[in-house]
Amino acid sequence: MRTIICIFAAATGLICVDGMAQSDTVAPSEPALAAAVRNYLEDHGDLCVDKVAWPRDVTEADRQARSNDALQLPVLERLGLVKSVDVSPAVNPAGMGAAVGSEPAGQTAPVRSTKRYSLTAKGRRYYLRKKTTILGAHGQPVERDGDFCVARLSLDKVVRWSLPKETRGHLETVVSYTYKIKAADWMADPEASKAFPVVDRIIRGEGNLQMAATLQAQNGRWVPVLPGQ
């Protein structure tokens, strides 16, 4: 999962750019910016954890590397959100996958299998099927058809905004805001909080932690700039 948490220096005001359409020189104000952020969060306020494709496999290499799935999926299984099955043998013939001479002839060397995790009926309630666009590697937009989401954000209040500047032919401002959050009840589980530390930080930051949204003046109103635009 990709999360942006920012704190910006206070700066307010309006700049006018020669040649810019009059309808795009709308002055920023707390009510107007709050309405834009509120509308943005109504459509894009889901807090998801970058688990797009299911089922998901966890290998021995994943466990040794302590990957996110290796740490998080067993916790989700204990909470009844996913279930797992073994998809590889629990043993290998002697010498296969083990150092030569590590097992006596005729005996087998135990290995840990790959586990395949799939969503349960309970877990499917948290899988949001919705087309979204995020910024991937090198700032390139990546489209997704869904994700596993654990909370939803809504606006608490606008804290400050940057001095609007012309970008791509429109005035843009970056708005810092605090938020309210409605999280899945199972995120109160101590192991879930530990497995998803970024989500836990955002939950505990309700009303205090600041996030940011870029808004653009279009046709006399402020609208959000979405990834890839």
C-alpha atoms as a PDB file:
ATOM      1  CA  MET A   1       0.000   0.000   0.000  1.00  0.00           C
ATOM      2  CA  ARG A   2       1.226   3.976  -1.186  1.00  0.00           C
ATOM      3  CA  THR A   3       0.293   6.645   1.458  1.00  0.00           C
ATOM      4  CA  ILE A   4       1.168  10.517   1.261  1.00  0.00           C
ATOM      5  CA  ILE A   5       1.234  12.443   4.556  1.00  0.00           C
ATOM      6  CA  CYS A   6       2.390  16.057   4.343  1.00  0.00           C
ATOM      7  CA  ILE A   7       2.609  19.245   6.412  1.00  0.00           C
ATOM      8  CA  PHE A   8       2.808  22.499   4.475  1.00  0.00           C
ATOM      9  CA  ALA A   9       3.829  26.016   5.466  1.00  0.00           C
ATOM     10  CA  ALA A  10       0.874  28.385   5.806  1.00  0.00           C
ATOM     11  CA  ALA A  11       0.348  30.441   2.684  1.00  0.00           C
ATOM     12  CA  THR A  12      -2.870  31.955   1.407  1.00  0.00           C
ATOM     13  CA  GLY A  13      -3.819  34.410  -1.271  1.00  0.00           C
ATOM     14  CA  LEU A  14      -4.571  34.730  -4.934  1.00  0.00           C
ATOM     15  CA  ILE A  15      -2.328  35.354  -7.920  1.00  0.00           C
ATOM     16  CA  CYS A  16      -3.554  36.522 -11.310  1.00  0.00           C
ATOM     17  CA  VAL A  17      -1.867  35.265 -14.468  1.00  0.00           C
ATOM     18  CA  ASP A  18      -1.992  37.170 -17.713  1.00  0.00           C
ATOM     19  CA  GLY A  19      -4.062  35.442 -20.352  1.00  0.00           C
ATOM     20  CA  MET A  20      -5.846  33.145 -17.878  1.00  0.00           C
ATOM     21  CA  ALA A  21      -9.600  32.856 -18.277  1.00  0.00           C
ATOM     22  CA  GLN A  22     -11.511  34.928 -15.745  1.00  0.00           C
ATOM     23  CA  SER A  23     -13.534  31.869 -14.711  1.00  0.00           C
ATOM     24  CA  ASP A  24     -10.311  30.194 -13.526  1.00  0.00           C
ATOM     25  CA  THR A  25      -9.206  33.029 -11.222  1.00  0.00           C
ATOM     26  CA  VAL A  26     -11.580  32.044  -8.410  1.00  0.00           C
ATOM     27  CA  ALA A  27     -10.143  33.049  -5.031  1.00  0.00           C
ATOM     28  CA  PRO A  28      -9.516  30.174  -2.625  1.00  0.00           C
ATOM     29  CA  SER A  29     -11.599  30.219   0.538  1.00  0.00           C
ATOM     30  CA  GLU A  30     -12.044  27.743   3.371  1.00  0.00           C
ATOM     31  CA  PRO A  31     -15.675  26.883   2.452  1.00  0.00           C
ATOM     32  CA  ALA A  32     -14.872  26.386  -1.235  1.00  0.00           C
ATOM     33  CA  LEU A  33     -11.760  24.302  -0.597  1.00  0.00           C
ATOM     34  CA  ALA A  34     -13.489  22.267   2.119  1.00  0.00           C
ATOM     35  CA  ALA A  35     -16.326  21.439  -0.276  1.00  0.00           C
ATOM     36  CA  ALA A  36     -13.817  20.260  -2.900  1.00  0.00           C
ATOM     37  CA  VAL A  37     -11.864  18.092  -0.440  1.00  0.00           C
ATOM     38  CA  ARG A  38     -15.114  16.694   0.978  1.00  0.00           C
ATOM     39  CA  ASN A  39     -16.280  15.691  -2.496  1.00  0.00           C
ATOM     40  CA  TYR A  40     -12.870  14.210  -3.249  1.00  0.00           C
ATOM     41  CA  LEU A  41     -12.950  12.007  -0.140  1.00  0.00           C
ATOM     42  CA  GLU A  42     -16.487  10.871  -0.881  1.00  0.00           C
ATOM     43  CA  ASP A  43     -15.152   9.308  -4.090  1.00  0.00           C
ATOM     44  CA  HIS A  44     -11.538   8.558  -3.120  1.00  0.00           C
ATOM     45  CA  GLY A  45     -11.467   8.301   0.677  1.00  0.00           C
ATOM     46  CA  ASP A  46     -11.006   4.548   0.930  1.00  0.00           C
ATOM     47  CA  LEU A  47      -7.830   3.485   2.749  1.00  0.00           C
ATOM     48  CA  CYS A  48      -6.593   0.352   0.991  1.00  0.00           C
ATOM     49  CA  VAL A  49      -3.550  -1.859   1.552  1.00  0.00           C
ATOM     50  CA  ASP A  50      -2.300  -2.791  -1.932  1.00  0.00           C
ATOM     51  CA  LYS A  51      -3.742  -6.310  -2.076  1.00  0.00           C
ATOM     52  CA  VAL A  52      -5.323  -6.110  -5.495  1.00  0.00           C
ATOM     53  CA  ALA A  53      -5.081  -9.648  -6.855  1.00  0.00           C
ATOM     54  CA  TRP A  54      -6.472 -12.738  -5.093  1.00  0.00           C
ATOM     55  CA  PRO A  55      -5.641 -15.467  -4.262  1.00  0.00           C
ATOM     56  CA  ARG A  56      -2.174 -14.544  -2.976  1.00  0.00           C
ATOM     57  CA  ASP A  57       0.752 -16.934  -2.501  1.00  0.00           C
ATOM     58  CA  VAL A  58       3.297 -16.790   0.314  1.00  0.00           C
ATOM     59  CA  THR A  59       6.458 -18.810  -0.273  1.00  0.00           C
ATOM     60  CA  GLU A  60       9.280 -19.787   2.053  1.00  0.00           C
ATOM     61  CA  ALA A  61      11.348 -17.021   0.457  1.00  0.00           C
ATOM     62  CA  ASP A  62       8.586 -14.544   1.342  1.00  0.00           C
ATOM     63  CA  ARG A  63       8.614 -15.740   4.941  1.00  0.00           C
ATOM     64  CA  GLN A  64      12.383 -15.435   5.201  1.00  0.00           C
ATOM     65  CA  ALA A  65      12.247 -11.933   3.693  1.00  0.00           C
ATOM     66  CA  ARG A  66       9.378 -11.001   6.036  1.00  0.00           C
ATOM     67  CA  SER A  67       7.369  -9.604   3.155  1.00  0.00           C
ATOM     68  CA  ASN A  68       4.147  -7.723   3.819  1.00  0.00           C
ATOM     69  CA  ASP A  69       2.026 -10.710   2.797  1.00  0.00           C
ATOM     70  CA  ALA A  70       4.073 -13.089   4.940  1.00  0.00           C
ATOM     71  CA  LEU A  71       3.463 -10.893   7.998  1.00  0.00           C
ATOM     72  CA  GLN A  72      -0.065  -9.717   7.296  1.00  0.00           C
ATOM     73  CA  LEU A  73      -1.957 -12.635   5.765  1.00  0.00           C
ATOM     74  CA  PRO A  74      -1.554 -14.991   8.768  1.00  0.00           C
ATOM     75  CA  VAL A  75      -3.036 -12.247  10.950  1.00  0.00           C
ATOM     76  CA  LEU A  76      -5.942 -11.807   8.560  1.00  0.00           C
ATOM     77  CA  GLU A  77      -6.449 -15.571   8.610  1.00  0.00           C
ATOM     78  CA  ARG A  78      -6.671 -15.619  12.406  1.00  0.00           C
ATOM     79  CA  LEU A  79      -9.266 -12.856  12.172  1.00  0.00           C
ATOM     80  CA  GLY A  80     -11.348 -14.886   9.724  1.00  0.00           C
ATOM     81  CA  LEU A  81     -10.810 -12.620   6.719  1.00  0.00           C
ATOM     82  CA  VAL A  82      -8.758 -15.056   4.628  1.00  0.00           C
ATOM     83  CA  LYS A  83      -8.153 -18.804   4.528  1.00  0.00           C
ATOM     84  CA  SER A  84      -5.105 -20.697   3.317  1.00  0.00           C
ATOM     85  CA  VAL A  85      -4.276 -23.996   1.651  1.00  0.00           C
ATOM     86  CA  ASP A  86      -0.921 -25.632   0.968  1.00  0.00           C
ATOM     87  CA  VAL A  87      -0.104 -25.644  -2.728  1.00  0.00           C
ATOM     88  CA  SER A  88       3.228 -27.494  -2.663  1.00  0.00           C
ATOM     89  CA  PRO A  89       4.366 -30.776  -1.047  1.00  0.00           C
ATOM     90  CA  ALA A  90       5.386 -30.688   2.583  1.00  0.00           C
ATOM     91  CA  VAL A  91       8.435 -32.866   1.847  1.00  0.00           C
ATOM     92  CA  ASN A  92      11.046 -33.209  -0.876  1.00  0.00           C
ATOM     93  CA  PRO A  93      13.081 -36.267  -1.870  1.00  0.00           C
ATOM     94  CA  ALA A  94      16.423 -36.407  -0.065  1.00  0.00           C
ATOM     95  CA  GLY A  95      18.858 -33.963  -1.553  1.00  0.00           C
ATOM     96  CA  MET A  96      16.192 -31.909  -3.397  1.00  0.00           C
ATOM     97  CA  GLY A  97      16.230 -28.371  -2.048  1.00  0.00           C
ATOM     98  CA  ALA A  98      18.674 -29.352   0.706  1.00  0.00           C
ATOM     99  CA  ALA A  99      22.440 -29.456   0.962  1.00  0.00           C
ATOM    100  CA  VAL A 100      24.042 -32.628  -0.367  1.00  0.00           C
ATOM    101  CA  GLY A 101      24.552 -35.053   2.474  1.00  0.00           C
ATOM    102  CA  SER A 102      22.255 -33.189   4.840  1.00  0.00           C
ATOM    103  CA  GLU A 103      19.820 -36.145   5.033  1.00  0.00           C
ATOM    104  CA  PRO A 104      20.626 -39.846   5.309  1.00  0.00           C
ATOM    105  CA  ALA A 105      19.956 -41.915   2.207  1.00  0.00           C
ATOM    106  CA  GLY A 106      16.329 -42.985   1.877  1.00  0.00           C
ATOM    107  CA  GLN A 107      14.988 -40.257   4.141  1.00  0.00           C
ATOM    108  CA  THR A 108      13.142 -37.100   3.208  1.00  0.00           C
ATOM    109  CA  ALA A 109      13.965 -33.518   3.993  1.00  0.00           C
ATOM    110  CA  PRO A 110      11.028 -31.494   5.336  1.00  0.00           C
ATOM    111  CA  VAL A 111      10.370 -28.168   3.654  1.00  0.00           C
ATOM    112  CA  ARG A 112       7.807 -25.499   4.328  1.00  0.00           C
ATOM    113  CA  SER A 113       5.131 -25.346   1.671  1.00  0.00           C
ATOM    114  CA  THR A 114       3.778 -22.390  -0.229  1.00  0.00           C
ATOM    115  CA  LYS A 115       0.523 -21.166   1.244  1.00  0.00           C
ATOM    116  CA  ARG A 116      -2.203 -19.763  -0.971  1.00  0.00           C
ATOM    117  CA  TYR A 117      -4.530 -17.288   0.713  1.00  0.00           C
ATOM    118  CA  SER A 118      -8.016 -16.435  -0.521  1.00  0.00           C
ATOM    119  CA  LEU A 119     -10.691 -14.156   0.865  1.00  0.00           C
ATOM    120  CA  THR A 120     -13.462 -15.585   3.018  1.00  0.00           C
ATOM    121  CA  ALA A 121     -17.044 -14.320   2.894  1.00  0.00           C
ATOM    122  CA  LYS A 122     -16.122 -11.945   5.719  1.00  0.00           C
ATOM    123  CA  GLY A 123     -12.992 -10.777   3.915  1.00  0.00           C
ATOM    124  CA  ARG A 124     -14.837 -10.138   0.653  1.00  0.00           C
ATOM    125  CA  ARG A 125     -16.837  -7.445   2.425  1.00  0.00           C
ATOM    126  CA  TYR A 126     -13.611  -5.402   2.545  1.00  0.00           C
ATOM    127  CA  TYR A 127     -12.648  -5.890  -1.095  1.00  0.00           C
ATOM    128  CA  LEU A 128     -13.739  -2.779  -2.959  1.00  0.00           C
ATOM    129  CA  ARG A 129     -14.383  -3.368  -6.652  1.00  0.00           C
ATOM    130  CA  LYS A 130     -13.852   0.078  -8.090  1.00  0.00           C
ATOM    131  CA  LYS A 131     -11.673   1.435 -10.856  1.00  0.00           C
ATOM    132  CA  THR A 132      -9.011   3.713  -9.428  1.00  0.00           C
ATOM    133  CA  THR A 133      -5.742   5.238 -10.623  1.00  0.00           C
ATOM    134  CA  ILE A 134      -2.656   5.531  -8.441  1.00  0.00           C
ATOM    135  CA  LEU A 135       0.879   6.707  -9.117  1.00  0.00           C
ATOM    136  CA  GLY A 136       3.220   3.764  -9.570  1.00  0.00           C
ATOM    137  CA  ALA A 137       6.946   3.547 -10.144  1.00  0.00           C
ATOM    138  CA  HIS A 138       8.524   6.677 -11.633  1.00  0.00           C
ATOM    139  CA  GLY A 139       5.263   8.596 -11.168  1.00  0.00           C
ATOM    140  CA  GLN A 140       3.431   6.673 -13.885  1.00  0.00           C
ATOM    141  CA  PRO A 141      -0.354   6.242 -13.461  1.00  0.00           C
ATOM    142  CA  VAL A 142      -1.493   2.683 -12.740  1.00  0.00           C
ATOM    143  CA  GLU A 143      -5.135   1.662 -13.124  1.00  0.00           C
ATOM    144  CA  ARG A 144      -6.701  -0.842 -10.733  1.00  0.00           C
ATOM    145  CA  ASP A 145     -10.040  -2.616 -10.677  1.00  0.00           C
ATOM    146  CA  GLY A 146     -10.180  -3.082  -6.893  1.00  0.00           C
ATOM    147  CA  ASP A 147      -8.278  -3.412  -3.620  1.00  0.00           C
ATOM    148  CA  PHE A 148      -8.601  -4.665  -0.050  1.00  0.00           C
ATOM    149  CA  CYS A 149      -9.665  -1.624   1.975  1.00  0.00           C
ATOM    150  CA  VAL A 150      -9.654  -1.300   5.751  1.00  0.00           C
ATOM    151  CA  ALA A 151     -10.972   2.204   6.486  1.00  0.00           C
ATOM    152  CA  ARG A 152     -12.665   5.225   4.998  1.00  0.00           C
ATOM    153  CA  LEU A 153     -11.658   8.860   5.433  1.00  0.00           C
ATOM    154  CA  SER A 154     -13.879  11.941   5.509  1.00  0.00           C
ATOM    155  CA  LEU A 155     -13.037  15.591   6.012  1.00  0.00           C
ATOM    156  CA  ASP A 156     -12.535  16.983   9.502  1.00  0.00           C
ATOM    157  CA  LYS A 157     -11.369  20.485   8.579  1.00  0.00           C
ATOM    158  CA  VAL A 158      -9.152  22.419   6.191  1.00  0.00           C
ATOM    159  CA  VAL A 159      -6.013  23.596   8.005  1.00  0.00           C
ATOM    160  CA  ARG A 160      -4.215  25.696   5.377  1.00  0.00           C
ATOM    161  CA  TRP A 161      -3.548  25.979   1.679  1.00  0.00           C
ATOM    162  CA  SER A 162      -0.625  27.035  -0.468  1.00  0.00           C
ATOM    163  CA  LEU A 163      -0.411  30.156  -2.559  1.00  0.00           C
ATOM    164  CA  PRO A 164      -2.156  29.253  -5.845  1.00  0.00           C
ATOM    165  CA  LYS A 165       0.154  28.960  -8.833  1.00  0.00           C
ATOM    166  CA  GLU A 166      -0.501  28.432 -12.500  1.00  0.00           C
ATOM    167  CA  THR A 167       0.053  24.815 -13.524  1.00  0.00           C
ATOM    168  CA  ARG A 168      -1.051  23.298 -16.815  1.00  0.00           C
ATOM    169  CA  GLY A 169      -3.029  26.424 -17.635  1.00  0.00           C
ATOM    170  CA  HIS A 170      -5.000  26.548 -14.375  1.00  0.00           C
ATOM    171  CA  LEU A 171      -4.450  27.818 -10.866  1.00  0.00           C
ATOM    172  CA  GLU A 172      -3.581  25.037  -8.435  1.00  0.00           C
ATOM    173  CA  THR A 173      -3.283  24.976  -4.657  1.00  0.00           C
ATOM    174  CA  VAL A 174      -2.260  22.256  -2.218  1.00  0.00           C
ATOM    175  CA  VAL A 175      -4.695  21.963   0.665  1.00  0.00           C
ATOM    176  CA  SER A 176      -3.685  20.504   4.023  1.00  0.00           C
ATOM    177  CA  TYR A 177      -6.530  18.988   5.998  1.00  0.00           C
ATOM    178  CA  THR A 178      -7.285  16.782   8.980  1.00  0.00           C
ATOM    179  CA  TYR A 179      -9.690  13.898   8.678  1.00  0.00           C
ATOM    180  CA  LYS A 180     -12.185  11.657  10.392  1.00  0.00           C
ATOM    181  CA  ILE A 181     -11.850   7.914   9.919  1.00  0.00           C
ATOM    182  CA  LYS A 182     -14.132   4.908  10.100  1.00  0.00           C
ATOM    183  CA  ALA A 183     -11.977   1.785  10.307  1.00  0.00           C
ATOM    184  CA  ALA A 184     -12.826  -1.895  10.212  1.00  0.00           C
ATOM    185  CA  ASP A 185     -13.524  -3.112  13.752  1.00  0.00           C
ATOM    186  CA  TRP A 186     -10.849  -5.811  13.459  1.00  0.00           C
ATOM    187  CA  MET A 187      -8.166  -3.133  13.075  1.00  0.00           C
ATOM    188  CA  ALA A 188      -8.492  -2.680  16.862  1.00  0.00           C
ATOM    189  CA  ASP A 189      -6.841  -6.099  17.243  1.00  0.00           C
ATOM    190  CA  PRO A 190      -3.255  -5.572  18.524  1.00  0.00           C
ATOM    191  CA  GLU A 191      -1.754  -7.975  15.979  1.00  0.00           C
ATOM    192  CA  ALA A 192      -3.618  -6.255  13.131  1.00  0.00           C
ATOM    193  CA  SER A 193      -2.326  -2.873  14.293  1.00  0.00           C
ATOM    194  CA  LYS A 194       1.210  -4.252  14.338  1.00  0.00           C
ATOM    195  CA  ALA A 195       0.844  -5.921  10.929  1.00  0.00           C
ATOM    196  CA  PHE A 196      -0.463  -2.722   9.311  1.00  0.00           C
ATOM    197  CA  PRO A 197       1.584   0.047  10.995  1.00  0.00           C
ATOM    198  CA  VAL A 198       0.807   2.748   8.425  1.00  0.00           C
ATOM    199  CA  VAL A 199      -2.929   2.120   8.735  1.00  0.00           C
ATOM    200  CA  ASP A 200      -2.596   2.133  12.529  1.00  0.00           C
ATOM    201  CA  ARG A 201      -0.786   5.475  12.403  1.00  0.00           C
ATOM    202  CA  ILE A 202      -3.513   6.985  10.226  1.00  0.00           C
ATOM    203  CA  ILE A 203      -6.245   5.664  12.545  1.00  0.00           C
ATOM    204  CA  ARG A 204      -4.514   7.107  15.607  1.00  0.00           C
ATOM    205  CA  GLY A 205      -3.947  10.388  13.760  1.00  0.00           C
ATOM    206  CA  GLU A 206      -7.654  11.143  13.382  1.00  0.00           C
ATOM    207  CA  GLY A 207      -8.270  14.854  13.874  1.00  0.00           C
ATOM    208  CA  ASN A 208      -4.537  15.688  14.131  1.00  0.00           C
ATOM    209  CA  LEU A 209      -2.488  14.150  11.328  1.00  0.00           C
ATOM    210  CA  GLN A 210      -2.540  16.255   8.180  1.00  0.00           C
ATOM    211  CA  MET A 211      -2.981  14.972   4.653  1.00  0.00           C
ATOM    212  CA  ALA A 212      -2.858  16.894   1.413  1.00  0.00           C
ATOM    213  CA  ALA A 213      -4.926  17.249  -1.728  1.00  0.00           C
ATOM    214  CA  THR A 214      -4.075  19.222  -4.863  1.00  0.00           C
ATOM    215  CA  LEU A 215      -6.997  21.310  -6.125  1.00  0.00           C
ATOM    216  CA  GLN A 216      -7.355  23.110  -9.422  1.00  0.00           C
ATOM    217  CA  ALA A 217      -9.549  26.070 -10.365  1.00  0.00           C
ATOM    218  CA  GLN A 218     -11.875  25.130 -13.198  1.00  0.00           C
ATOM    219  CA  ASN A 219     -14.917  27.075 -14.419  1.00  0.00           C
ATOM    220  CA  GLY A 220     -15.187  29.133 -11.270  1.00  0.00           C
ATOM    221  CA  ARG A 221     -14.787  26.326  -8.729  1.00  0.00           C
ATOM    222  CA  TRP A 222     -12.089  24.179  -7.128  1.00  0.00           C
ATOM    223  CA  VAL A 223     -11.836  20.519  -8.150  1.00  0.00           C
ATOM    224  CA  PRO A 224      -9.355  17.773  -7.155  1.00  0.00           C
ATOM    225  CA  VAL A 225      -6.411  16.848  -9.375  1.00  0.00           C
ATOM    226  CA  LEU A 226      -6.407  13.061  -9.620  1.00  0.00           C
ATOM    227  CA  PRO A 227      -3.343  10.833 -10.208  1.00  0.00           C
ATOM    228  CA  GLY A 228      -2.365  10.765 -13.853  1.00  0.00           C
ATOM    229  CA  GLN A 229      -4.066  14.053 -14.711  1.00  0.00           C
END
